[in-house]
Structures are given as C-alpha cells and as structure tokens.
Amino acid sequence: MKLLEINGGKKLTGTIRVSGAKNSAVALIPAAILSDEEVTICNVPDITDTEALCEILSFLGARVKRASETIVIDSKEIENKEIPATLAKKLRASYYFMGALLGKYKKVTMSLPGGCSIGARPINLHLKGFEALGAKVTNKDNCYIVEADELRGNNIYLDFASVGATINIMLAAVKAKGKTIIDNAAKEPEIVNVATLLNNMGAKIRGAGTSSIEIEGVDYLGKCFHEVIPDRIEAGTYVILGAAVGENLKVDNIIPEHIESLTSKLEEMGAFLDIGSDYIIVSRQDNYKSIHVKTQTYPGFPTDLQQPLTPLLTACKGQSKIEETIYENRFMHIPYLNSMGADIRVKNQTSTIVGPTKLTGCDVVATDLRAGASLVIAGLMAEGTTKITNVEHILRGYENIVEKLTNVGAKVEIREI
C-alpha cells in the first residue's frame, strides 16, 4: 500500500504539462483490436488503468509494445477467450472489450468490470445496444456472454447520454451489416477521439460529438497511427489547483474549449485566467465569491471535476453549492475535508460549502480517483502535513502526479507503508 504525504501551504509556480486523456486512452486501447493490422497510439498516459488494459491485451494474445508515450498493438494472433474477473475488475473501462470483441468475433465472454465505487454504474444501456444489433446477452454468475450469429445495424436510442454505452455500441457496430444510428449519444471529446481512431482504421462514422451518430458497417479495418487528446479532467484539476495555490502556474498542452464549463465558473468566482490557444496561466486571488455548480453531461460541468473543485470553494466567501446529478455516491471526500477544517454539509445530492475556512493537514483516505484529487488539492492548500492513503486510486488517473507537483514547488512524496 502507498501513502502520499503533502507538506502544504506552498505557492506553486512554473509549468505543468497535461498528459493524454485517461478517459480516451482506456477506450482507444480496446478499440485497437478491431483492426486486422497494427495500430499505433501515441500520447498514452502511463497510469495503472492503461497498464491493466495492456494486461488484458497480452492475455488475449495481442502483441503489445510500449515505448515512452506510444503503444503499438498487433492483434493478428489474438484469441477470443473469456476475460477473467481478476483482470476485468481492475478497472471500469475493461467493459470496452465487450464491444470490441463482439464487433470483431460476434461473441465475448467476460466478468463484470471494476472501477471506483461512486454510485450505481449499470451497463444495461450497453447491453441494450448490443441486443438491438442482434446479440443475445446471458448473465451467469456475474459473467456476461454476449453473442450473435450476425450483427445488423439498427436505430438505437439511449435513455441517458452515457459515454461508455455510446463508445461500446460504436465498437460493436463498426463491423455490423448495414447502418446503425445512435440517438441521444454522449458528446464528450473522448467519443470524437475514439471515432477518429476507428475512421483512420477504415470505419465509416459520422456525427461523433453530436447527439446523433451514424455508423455504416465495414468488413475490414486496417492499420493506423493515432494520438490521444489532452486530458481535460487532469487539465481542470491543475487549473483548480492554480486558482487555489498558484502563482502564475501554467497548465500546458490542453484544449481550453474542453473545460469552458469550469473556467467560466472560476471567472465567476473572481479568478483571473490567462487563456491561450493550448494553455491557461492562473494565480490565486483574494476574496473569491461563492458559486453554484450543477454537474451535467458534456458540455456541462463534468462530474469528474466537482470533487477537485470542492476544496477551492472553502476559500470562497459565503455559501457555495455543488449539485451532483450523475452519480449518487460522489461525496465520500466530504468527511475528510471537514476533518481538515472545512464546513461542508451534504443533503439531497447537494453539498453546501460555507467559507472561507482554513484547512489544516491531517490523515485522510482517497476513496476513489477524483476524491483523491480533491484531497491532494486540499493538502496543498492546508497548513501542515496531510497523509493520504489508498493513493492507488489517484495513480489510476494522474500520470506522474508527484513529479509534476514537485516540479512546480510542491512538497509531496509517495511512500510504501
């Protein structure tokens, strides 16, 4: 087990370079097996989630070569066998192998995926989409068998604009016979990134990034070279950090349009942001004003950023509110923030943050990935020492976080306990 120790109260200055998007890379890696040739993906973050997906690829018999930020995947000798629970449960995104293997082989067998415990995260929309394409779904002892004699395109309406279901249905549909239309599709940039990979391989996908995606099935997908987009959640996390303890902190290698819902709220608070074409420079300001935030699907405020935003709101004057509409169990960081001196109450999926309050370091637990990011920001804001356990959650989504923070003046280190 690892522990992250933070000596807080330091101003951070310099440049943090944002890595490739976790939520994109974890879909691109399974998508690559749809190709009948070699696929090269660059700007892949070196995080435990991508390592876990490469383990699954190797288990299936794919040849995987990794050098720096690039992964080369050759699936010509892949074997379609059951993905066991020991591998599937390492991360939520293992479920993308469902769509990819179903699309390639018309059959997949795998255990339920893992991931953070942030609330109910059913895969019923994924399965509904597979069934609409002609597959039969069987669940036996928490193991799913999804198979079809033939996949045929269909019109599929998603009851909720789910990122995972949108991508998984795309993966299954690219080699189906005929045309598939996904209505009420999610619009996140990561979906556009995955569709671009598939199109570079020879798929025919139109409308990615809109609420209606059209997929014309093809018989063959070939080799390609593709780049992972910058991680908008990592970018947002470090911009929030800059507003909390930054002094001309530059967050580089980003797409500012992807986090406009965040930057508009920070400006509403009173933050001053120098927004360039691929960077944001931010410093801590005095006298922040309280704000209200409601999480929504893209392009609304991301659920993945409400937890990192919370400690910054403890510096605002008055009552700030965060209403969580996506996941019902995304306030597990609140008791730990309160133990550090915050004044936060949660009722009916809304947290009320009363400020300003002073944070003091103490021992806390990262209950999930973004809760961990929240506690890192709180620890850097706080006076004294903060010790975060279950830091493995944080390492799932933030590449080289200790090095990046140390390089801008933070006093942080990871120790084995």
Foldseek 3Di string as FASTA:
>chain_A
DKKKKFAADAFFADEFEFAFALVQLLLQLLLQLLALAKAKEFSAFPFVSNVLSVVQLVVQPWDWDDDDRMIITHNNPGHQDEAEPVSQAVAQSSCLNVLQCCQRPQKHKYAHHHAFPQADDDCVLLVVLLVQQPWDWDADPRMIIIGHPAGAADEAEGPAQDQSSLSSSQNNAQAGAAKHKYAQHFQAPSQVQNVVSQVQQPWDWPDRNHRIIMTHHDHHGHYGYGYGQGHPLLLLLVQLLQQQRYDQYKYFRHQVQQQPQSVVQQVQQVWDWDDDRTMITTHHDAAGAAEEAEDDGPPHHHPLCPLSNVLSNLRYAAKHKYAYDPRQRNCPLVVVQVVQWWDWDDDPRMIITHYNTAGAADEEEQSAQSSLSNVVSSQNNHRGMHMYPPCSRNSNGGHPVVVSRVVRPIDMDMDDD
